[in-house]
Amino acid sequence: MRKVIQYEVNGETIKSLVGAGLGVSITCDAYLGVHYAGVTYREARDGNGPWRLGYTAHWAKENTNPALPSFLKLLRERYPGLPEAE
């Protein structure tokens, strides 16, 4: 029987747990250049080739965080097919 454990911690802690032999983790491409002792990165694949995990972003209309417009601009530049915000 397999046991699934969810940890409420940051990415660095998760990589350290994986490196210590305490499981596996799904991570984003941003970590691919980062070395953690005992951690080996593998591409997730299914019968059709590389497997991708989609992301969804949500925000409150009243969000006044000044970083939000820049973040949305970055997303639209990287993913031109994204729908415009309502």
PDB file of N, CA and C in Angstrom:
ATOM      1  N   MET A   1       0.839  -1.165   0.000  1.00  0.00           N
ATOM      2  CA  MET A   1       0.000   0.000   0.000  1.00  0.00           C
ATOM      3  C   MET A   1       0.896   1.243   0.000  1.00  0.00           C
ATOM      4  N   ARG A   2       0.563   2.224  -0.841  1.00  0.00           N
ATOM      5  CA  ARG A   2       1.298   3.483  -0.909  1.00  0.00           C
ATOM      6  C   ARG A   2       0.669   4.492   0.039  1.00  0.00           C
ATOM      7  N   LYS A   3       1.490   5.318   0.597  1.00  0.00           N
ATOM      8  CA  LYS A   3       1.017   6.339   1.523  1.00  0.00           C
ATOM      9  C   LYS A   3       1.297   7.717   0.918  1.00  0.00           C
ATOM     10  N   VAL A   4       0.283   8.563   0.846  1.00  0.00           N
ATOM     11  CA  VAL A   4       0.433   9.917   0.329  1.00  0.00           C
ATOM     12  C   VAL A   4       0.419  10.875   1.500  1.00  0.00           C
ATOM     13  N   ILE A   5       1.454  11.733   1.555  1.00  0.00           N
ATOM     14  CA  ILE A   5       1.548  12.722   2.624  1.00  0.00           C
ATOM     15  C   ILE A   5       1.649  14.095   1.977  1.00  0.00           C
ATOM     16  N   GLN A   6       0.890  15.048   2.473  1.00  0.00           N
ATOM     17  CA  GLN A   6       0.956  16.414   1.975  1.00  0.00           C
ATOM     18  C   GLN A   6       1.621  17.283   3.034  1.00  0.00           C
ATOM     19  N   TYR A   7       2.660  18.012   2.624  1.00  0.00           N
ATOM     20  CA  TYR A   7       3.356  18.918   3.525  1.00  0.00           C
ATOM     21  C   TYR A   7       3.024  20.357   3.141  1.00  0.00           C
ATOM     22  N   GLU A   8       2.716  21.181   4.113  1.00  0.00           N
ATOM     23  CA  GLU A   8       2.447  22.601   3.890  1.00  0.00           C
ATOM     24  C   GLU A   8       3.738  23.372   4.112  1.00  0.00           C
ATOM     25  N   VAL A   9       4.659  23.272   3.158  1.00  0.00           N
ATOM     26  CA  VAL A   9       5.969  23.917   3.279  1.00  0.00           C
ATOM     27  C   VAL A   9       6.379  24.494   1.930  1.00  0.00           C
ATOM     28  N   ASN A  10       7.521  25.156   1.882  1.00  0.00           N
ATOM     29  CA  ASN A  10       7.986  25.747   0.624  1.00  0.00           C
ATOM     30  C   ASN A  10       8.707  24.717  -0.250  1.00  0.00           C
ATOM     31  N   GLY A  11       9.003  25.127  -1.485  1.00  0.00           N
ATOM     32  CA  GLY A  11       9.626  24.227  -2.458  1.00  0.00           C
ATOM     33  C   GLY A  11      10.988  23.716  -2.041  1.00  0.00           C
ATOM     34  N   GLU A  12      11.786  24.550  -1.381  1.00  0.00           N
ATOM     35  CA  GLU A  12      13.105  24.126  -0.952  1.00  0.00           C
ATOM     36  C   GLU A  12      13.025  22.995   0.079  1.00  0.00           C
ATOM     37  N   THR A  13      12.068  23.107   0.978  1.00  0.00           N
ATOM     38  CA  THR A  13      11.898  22.055   1.987  1.00  0.00           C
ATOM     39  C   THR A  13      11.452  20.755   1.334  1.00  0.00           C
ATOM     40  N   ILE A  14      10.535  20.857   0.371  1.00  0.00           N
ATOM     41  CA  ILE A  14      10.078  19.659  -0.346  1.00  0.00           C
ATOM     42  C   ILE A  14      11.259  18.985  -1.043  1.00  0.00           C
ATOM     43  N   LYS A  15      12.110  19.764  -1.719  1.00  0.00           N
ATOM     44  CA  LYS A  15      13.268  19.175  -2.410  1.00  0.00           C
ATOM     45  C   LYS A  15      14.213  18.505  -1.415  1.00  0.00           C
ATOM     46  N   SER A  16      14.373  19.101  -0.231  1.00  0.00           N
ATOM     47  CA  SER A  16      15.219  18.485   0.794  1.00  0.00           C
ATOM     48  C   SER A  16      14.626  17.166   1.278  1.00  0.00           C
ATOM     49  N   LEU A  17      13.302  17.111   1.449  1.00  0.00           N
ATOM     50  CA  LEU A  17      12.646  15.863   1.854  1.00  0.00           C
ATOM     51  C   LEU A  17      12.818  14.794   0.788  1.00  0.00           C
ATOM     52  N   VAL A  18      12.665  15.172  -0.481  1.00  0.00           N
ATOM     53  CA  VAL A  18      12.864  14.218  -1.576  1.00  0.00           C
ATOM     54  C   VAL A  18      14.308  13.739  -1.581  1.00  0.00           C
ATOM     55  N   GLY A  19      15.249  14.670  -1.422  1.00  0.00           N
ATOM     56  CA  GLY A  19      16.665  14.309  -1.393  1.00  0.00           C
ATOM     57  C   GLY A  19      17.013  13.365  -0.259  1.00  0.00           C
ATOM     58  N   ALA A  20      16.266  13.451   0.833  1.00  0.00           N
ATOM     59  CA  ALA A  20      16.485  12.557   1.976  1.00  0.00           C
ATOM     60  C   ALA A  20      15.814  11.202   1.781  1.00  0.00           C
ATOM     61  N   GLY A  21      15.177  11.002   0.618  1.00  0.00           N
ATOM     62  CA  GLY A  21      14.548   9.718   0.337  1.00  0.00           C
ATOM     63  C   GLY A  21      13.150   9.572   0.888  1.00  0.00           C
ATOM     64  N   LEU A  22      12.505  10.697   1.193  1.00  0.00           N
ATOM     65  CA  LEU A  22      11.172  10.636   1.789  1.00  0.00           C
ATOM     66  C   LEU A  22      10.041  10.825   0.790  1.00  0.00           C
ATOM     67  N   GLY A  23      10.262  10.515  -0.479  1.00  0.00           N
ATOM     68  CA  GLY A  23       9.177  10.577  -1.446  1.00  0.00           C
ATOM     69  C   GLY A  23       9.570  11.223  -2.750  1.00  0.00           C
ATOM     70  N   VAL A  24       8.549  11.578  -3.511  1.00  0.00           N
ATOM     71  CA  VAL A  24       8.716  12.243  -4.802  1.00  0.00           C
ATOM     72  C   VAL A  24       7.847  13.492  -4.805  1.00  0.00           C
ATOM     73  N   SER A  25       8.096  14.369  -5.775  1.00  0.00           N
ATOM     74  CA  SER A  25       7.331  15.602  -5.866  1.00  0.00           C
ATOM     75  C   SER A  25       7.196  16.008  -7.326  1.00  0.00           C
ATOM     76  N   ILE A  26       6.115  16.678  -7.645  1.00  0.00           N
ATOM     77  CA  ILE A  26       5.949  17.310  -8.952  1.00  0.00           C
ATOM     78  C   ILE A  26       6.408  18.752  -8.784  1.00  0.00           C
ATOM     79  N   THR A  27       7.225  19.226  -9.707  1.00  0.00           N
ATOM     80  CA  THR A  27       7.737  20.594  -9.605  1.00  0.00           C
ATOM     81  C   THR A  27       7.646  21.289 -10.955  1.00  0.00           C
ATOM     82  N   CYS A  28       7.802  22.582 -10.958  1.00  0.00           N
ATOM     83  CA  CYS A  28       7.747  23.348 -12.202  1.00  0.00           C
ATOM     84  C   CYS A  28       9.133  23.423 -12.840  1.00  0.00           C
ATOM     85  N   ASP A  29       9.173  23.815 -14.103  1.00  0.00           N
ATOM     86  CA  ASP A  29      10.431  23.906 -14.843  1.00  0.00           C
ATOM     87  C   ASP A  29      11.437  24.863 -14.209  1.00  0.00           C
ATOM     88  N   ALA A  30      10.976  25.809 -13.417  1.00  0.00           N
ATOM     89  CA  ALA A  30      11.874  26.793 -12.816  1.00  0.00           C
ATOM     90  C   ALA A  30      12.932  26.158 -11.925  1.00  0.00           C
ATOM     91  N   TYR A  31      12.674  24.980 -11.384  1.00  0.00           N
ATOM     92  CA  TYR A  31      13.629  24.314 -10.503  1.00  0.00           C
ATOM     93  C   TYR A  31      14.662  23.476 -11.260  1.00  0.00           C
ATOM     94  N   LEU A  32      14.531  23.318 -12.553  1.00  0.00           N
ATOM     95  CA  LEU A  32      15.392  22.391 -13.277  1.00  0.00           C
ATOM     96  C   LEU A  32      16.871  22.717 -13.180  1.00  0.00           C
ATOM     97  N   GLY A  33      17.238  23.977 -13.043  1.00  0.00           N
ATOM     98  CA  GLY A  33      18.648  24.335 -12.941  1.00  0.00           C
ATOM     99  C   GLY A  33      19.173  24.368 -11.520  1.00  0.00           C
ATOM    100  N   VAL A  34      18.350  24.031 -10.546  1.00  0.00           N
ATOM    101  CA  VAL A  34      18.740  24.107  -9.144  1.00  0.00           C
ATOM    102  C   VAL A  34      19.137  22.715  -8.661  1.00  0.00           C
ATOM    103  N   HIS A  35      20.318  22.626  -8.049  1.00  0.00           N
ATOM    104  CA  HIS A  35      20.807  21.335  -7.561  1.00  0.00           C
ATOM    105  C   HIS A  35      20.441  21.141  -6.091  1.00  0.00           C
ATOM    106  N   TYR A  36      19.876  19.993  -5.792  1.00  0.00           N
ATOM    107  CA  TYR A  36      19.606  19.581  -4.420  1.00  0.00           C
ATOM    108  C   TYR A  36      20.213  18.200  -4.243  1.00  0.00           C
ATOM    109  N   ALA A  37      20.965  18.018  -3.185  1.00  0.00           N
ATOM    110  CA  ALA A  37      21.615  16.727  -2.933  1.00  0.00           C
ATOM    111  C   ALA A  37      20.577  15.616  -2.897  1.00  0.00           C
ATOM    112  N   GLY A  38      20.827  14.569  -3.665  1.00  0.00           N
ATOM    113  CA  GLY A  38      19.951  13.409  -3.664  1.00  0.00           C
ATOM    114  C   GLY A  38      18.723  13.527  -4.542  1.00  0.00           C
ATOM    115  N   VAL A  39      18.550  14.658  -5.239  1.00  0.00           N
ATOM    116  CA  VAL A  39      17.363  14.871  -6.082  1.00  0.00           C
ATOM    117  C   VAL A  39      17.738  14.709  -7.550  1.00  0.00           C
ATOM    118  N   THR A  40      16.978  13.890  -8.254  1.00  0.00           N
ATOM    119  CA  THR A  40      17.126  13.708  -9.695  1.00  0.00           C
ATOM    120  C   THR A  40      15.830  14.129 -10.353  1.00  0.00           C
ATOM    121  N   TYR A  41      15.910  14.993 -11.362  1.00  0.00           N
ATOM    122  CA  TYR A  41      14.732  15.459 -12.082  1.00  0.00           C
ATOM    123  C   TYR A  41      14.462  14.545 -13.259  1.00  0.00           C
ATOM    124  N   ARG A  42      13.212  14.188 -13.450  1.00  0.00           N
ATOM    125  CA  ARG A  42      12.785  13.351 -14.574  1.00  0.00           C
ATOM    126  C   ARG A  42      11.571  13.997 -15.219  1.00  0.00           C
ATOM    127  N   GLU A  43      11.516  13.934 -16.541  1.00  0.00           N
ATOM    128  CA  GLU A  43      10.360  14.448 -17.260  1.00  0.00           C
ATOM    129  C   GLU A  43       9.196  13.476 -17.091  1.00  0.00           C
ATOM    130  N   ALA A  44       8.038  13.998 -16.773  1.00  0.00           N
ATOM    131  CA  ALA A  44       6.843  13.159 -16.667  1.00  0.00           C
ATOM    132  C   ALA A  44       6.334  12.864 -18.075  1.00  0.00           C
ATOM    133  N   ARG A  45       6.073  11.594 -18.362  1.00  0.00           N
ATOM    134  CA  ARG A  45       5.623  11.184 -19.702  1.00  0.00           C
ATOM    135  C   ARG A  45       4.452  10.225 -19.574  1.00  0.00           C
ATOM    136  N   ASP A  46       3.603  10.268 -20.594  1.00  0.00           N
ATOM    137  CA  ASP A  46       2.549   9.261 -20.700  1.00  0.00           C
ATOM    138  C   ASP A  46       2.706   8.591 -22.061  1.00  0.00           C
ATOM    139  N   GLY A  47       1.741   7.855 -22.514  1.00  0.00           N
ATOM    140  CA  GLY A  47       1.836   7.146 -23.788  1.00  0.00           C
ATOM    141  C   GLY A  47       1.925   8.049 -25.001  1.00  0.00           C
ATOM    142  N   ASN A  48       1.644   9.347 -24.838  1.00  0.00           N
ATOM    143  CA  ASN A  48       1.687  10.289 -25.953  1.00  0.00           C
ATOM    144  C   ASN A  48       2.902  11.201 -25.916  1.00  0.00           C
ATOM    145  N   GLY A  49       3.788  11.026 -24.956  1.00  0.00           N
ATOM    146  CA  GLY A  49       4.979  11.869 -24.864  1.00  0.00           C
ATOM    147  C   GLY A  49       4.998  12.662 -23.574  1.00  0.00           C
ATOM    148  N   PRO A  50       5.674  13.827 -23.593  1.00  0.00           N
ATOM    149  CA  PRO A  50       5.788  14.630 -22.372  1.00  0.00           C
ATOM    150  C   PRO A  50       4.423  15.009 -21.815  1.00  0.00           C
ATOM    151  N   TRP A  51       4.337  14.990 -20.513  1.00  0.00           N
ATOM    152  CA  TRP A  51       3.100  15.298 -19.813  1.00  0.00           C
ATOM    153  C   TRP A  51       3.210  16.690 -19.231  1.00  0.00           C
ATOM    154  N   ARG A  52       2.177  17.480 -19.371  1.00  0.00           N
ATOM    155  CA  ARG A  52       2.167  18.844 -18.845  1.00  0.00           C
ATOM    156  C   ARG A  52       1.021  19.027 -17.870  1.00  0.00           C
ATOM    157  N   LEU A  53       1.295  19.779 -16.829  1.00  0.00           N
ATOM    158  CA  LEU A  53       0.289  20.114 -15.835  1.00  0.00           C
ATOM    159  C   LEU A  53      -0.125  21.553 -16.078  1.00  0.00           C
ATOM    160  N   GLY A  54      -1.397  21.785 -16.288  1.00  0.00           N
ATOM    161  CA  GLY A  54      -1.877  23.134 -16.534  1.00  0.00           C
ATOM    162  C   GLY A  54      -2.044  23.924 -15.247  1.00  0.00           C
ATOM    163  N   TYR A  55      -1.981  25.219 -15.374  1.00  0.00           N
ATOM    164  CA  TYR A  55      -2.166  26.119 -14.237  1.00  0.00           C
ATOM    165  C   TYR A  55      -3.369  27.010 -14.500  1.00  0.00           C
ATOM    166  N   THR A  56      -4.007  27.432 -13.455  1.00  0.00           N
ATOM    167  CA  THR A  56      -5.097  28.391 -13.540  1.00  0.00           C
ATOM    168  C   THR A  56      -4.820  29.497 -12.542  1.00  0.00           C
ATOM    169  N   ALA A  57      -4.986  30.739 -12.978  1.00  0.00           N
ATOM    170  CA  ALA A  57      -4.768  31.877 -12.080  1.00  0.00           C
ATOM    171  C   ALA A  57      -6.099  32.566 -11.815  1.00  0.00           C
ATOM    172  N   HIS A  58      -6.318  32.928 -10.573  1.00  0.00           N
ATOM    173  CA  HIS A  58      -7.523  33.651 -10.169  1.00  0.00           C
ATOM    174  C   HIS A  58      -7.092  34.816  -9.293  1.00  0.00           C
ATOM    175  N   TRP A  59      -7.798  35.899  -9.381  1.00  0.00           N
ATOM    176  CA  TRP A  59      -7.527  37.035  -8.498  1.00  0.00           C
ATOM    177  C   TRP A  59      -8.811  37.793  -8.261  1.00  0.00           C
ATOM    178  N   ALA A  60      -8.834  38.503  -7.159  1.00  0.00           N
ATOM    179  CA  ALA A  60     -10.014  39.284  -6.805  1.00  0.00           C
ATOM    180  C   ALA A  60     -10.024  40.587  -7.609  1.00  0.00           C
ATOM    181  N   LYS A  61     -11.194  40.994  -8.103  1.00  0.00           N
ATOM    182  CA  LYS A  61     -11.289  42.228  -8.885  1.00  0.00           C
ATOM    183  C   LYS A  61     -10.803  43.435  -8.098  1.00  0.00           C
ATOM    184  N   GLU A  62     -10.965  43.396  -6.795  1.00  0.00           N
ATOM    185  CA  GLU A  62     -10.544  44.533  -5.975  1.00  0.00           C
ATOM    186  C   GLU A  62      -9.065  44.476  -5.594  1.00  0.00           C
ATOM    187  N   ASN A  63      -8.310  43.548  -6.179  1.00  0.00           N
ATOM    188  CA  ASN A  63      -6.884  43.422  -5.883  1.00  0.00           C
ATOM    189  C   ASN A  63      -6.153  44.683  -6.346  1.00  0.00           C
ATOM    190  N   THR A  64      -5.538  45.392  -5.412  1.00  0.00           N
ATOM    191  CA  THR A  64      -4.809  46.621  -5.738  1.00  0.00           C
ATOM    192  C   THR A  64      -3.297  46.423  -5.657  1.00  0.00           C
ATOM    193  N   ASN A  65      -2.850  45.177  -5.570  1.00  0.00           N
ATOM    194  CA  ASN A  65      -1.421  44.905  -5.514  1.00  0.00           C
ATOM    195  C   ASN A  65      -0.763  45.430  -6.788  1.00  0.00           C
ATOM    196  N   PRO A  66       0.224  46.333  -6.689  1.00  0.00           N
ATOM    197  CA  PRO A  66       0.847  46.906  -7.880  1.00  0.00           C
ATOM    198  C   PRO A  66       1.608  45.883  -8.726  1.00  0.00           C
ATOM    199  N   ALA A  67       1.903  44.701  -8.188  1.00  0.00           N
ATOM    200  CA  ALA A  67       2.598  43.670  -8.956  1.00  0.00           C
ATOM    201  C   ALA A  67       1.665  42.925  -9.909  1.00  0.00           C
ATOM    202  N   LEU A  68       0.360  42.992  -9.682  1.00  0.00           N
ATOM    203  CA  LEU A  68      -0.587  42.224 -10.486  1.00  0.00           C
ATOM    204  C   LEU A  68      -0.546  42.589 -11.968  1.00  0.00           C
ATOM    205  N   PRO A  69      -0.618  43.875 -12.374  1.00  0.00           N
ATOM    206  CA  PRO A  69      -0.570  44.190 -13.807  1.00  0.00           C
ATOM    207  C   PRO A  69       0.704  43.684 -14.489  1.00  0.00           C
ATOM    208  N   SER A  70       1.836  43.792 -13.817  1.00  0.00           N
ATOM    209  CA  SER A  70       3.094  43.298 -14.400  1.00  0.00           C
ATOM    210  C   SER A  70       3.078  41.785 -14.549  1.00  0.00           C
ATOM    211  N   PHE A  71       2.517  41.104 -13.549  1.00  0.00           N
ATOM    212  CA  PHE A  71       2.429  39.650 -13.608  1.00  0.00           C
ATOM    213  C   PHE A  71       1.526  39.207 -14.758  1.00  0.00           C
ATOM    214  N   LEU A  72       0.383  39.862 -14.914  1.00  0.00           N
ATOM    215  CA  LEU A  72      -0.532  39.522 -16.005  1.00  0.00           C
ATOM    216  C   LEU A  72       0.113  39.804 -17.360  1.00  0.00           C
ATOM    217  N   LYS A  73       0.860  40.894 -17.468  1.00  0.00           N
ATOM    218  CA  LYS A  73       1.561  41.216 -18.718  1.00  0.00           C
ATOM    219  C   LYS A  73       2.564  40.112 -19.056  1.00  0.00           C
ATOM    220  N   LEU A  74       3.313  39.677 -18.050  1.00  0.00           N
ATOM    221  CA  LEU A  74       4.272  38.591 -18.248  1.00  0.00           C
ATOM    222  C   LEU A  74       3.587  37.319 -18.731  1.00  0.00           C
ATOM    223  N   LEU A  75       2.455  36.974 -18.114  1.00  0.00           N
ATOM    224  CA  LEU A  75       1.716  35.781 -18.535  1.00  0.00           C
ATOM    225  C   LEU A  75       1.248  35.898 -19.981  1.00  0.00           C
ATOM    226  N   ARG A  76       0.736  37.060 -20.366  1.00  0.00           N
ATOM    227  CA  ARG A  76       0.240  37.241 -21.743  1.00  0.00           C
ATOM    228  C   ARG A  76       1.362  37.206 -22.764  1.00  0.00           C
ATOM    229  N   GLU A  77       2.555  37.686 -22.383  1.00  0.00           N
ATOM    230  CA  GLU A  77       3.702  37.618 -23.294  1.00  0.00           C
ATOM    231  C   GLU A  77       4.166  36.179 -23.479  1.00  0.00           C
ATOM    232  N   ARG A  78       4.168  35.426 -22.399  1.00  0.00           N
ATOM    233  CA  ARG A  78       4.637  34.039 -22.472  1.00  0.00           C
ATOM    234  C   ARG A  78       3.591  33.109 -23.073  1.00  0.00           C
ATOM    235  N   TYR A  79       2.312  33.401 -22.817  1.00  0.00           N
ATOM    236  CA  TYR A  79       1.211  32.565 -23.301  1.00  0.00           C
ATOM    237  C   TYR A  79       0.212  33.443 -24.049  1.00  0.00           C
ATOM    238  N   PRO A  80       0.495  33.754 -25.312  1.00  0.00           N
ATOM    239  CA  PRO A  80      -0.336  34.703 -26.055  1.00  0.00           C
ATOM    240  C   PRO A  80      -1.797  34.304 -26.222  1.00  0.00           C
ATOM    241  N   GLY A  81      -2.145  33.057 -26.074  1.00  0.00           N
ATOM    242  CA  GLY A  81      -3.522  32.621 -26.252  1.00  0.00           C
ATOM    243  C   GLY A  81      -4.407  32.810 -25.049  1.00  0.00           C
ATOM    244  N   LEU A  82      -3.891  33.382 -23.971  1.00  0.00           N
ATOM    245  CA  LEU A  82      -4.695  33.552 -22.763  1.00  0.00           C
ATOM    246  C   LEU A  82      -5.848  34.533 -22.985  1.00  0.00           C
ATOM    247  N   PRO A  83      -7.000  34.247 -22.413  1.00  0.00           N
ATOM    248  CA  PRO A  83      -8.112  35.179 -22.541  1.00  0.00           C
ATOM    249  C   PRO A  83      -7.859  36.439 -21.722  1.00  0.00           C
ATOM    250  N   GLU A  84      -8.461  37.521 -22.130  1.00  0.00           N
ATOM    251  CA  GLU A  84      -8.357  38.776 -21.386  1.00  0.00           C
ATOM    252  C   GLU A  84      -9.169  38.684 -20.100  1.00  0.00           C
ATOM    253  N   ALA A  85      -8.760  39.424 -19.099  1.00  0.00           N
ATOM    254  CA  ALA A  85      -9.499  39.466 -17.834  1.00  0.00           C
ATOM    255  C   ALA A  85     -10.826  40.151 -18.031  1.00  0.00           C
ATOM    256  N   GLU A  86     -11.808  39.714 -17.273  1.00  0.00           N
ATOM    257  CA  GLU A  86     -13.139  40.320 -17.357  1.00  0.00           C
ATOM    258  C   GLU A  86     -13.222  41.542 -16.476  1.00  0.00           C
TER     259      GLU A  86
END
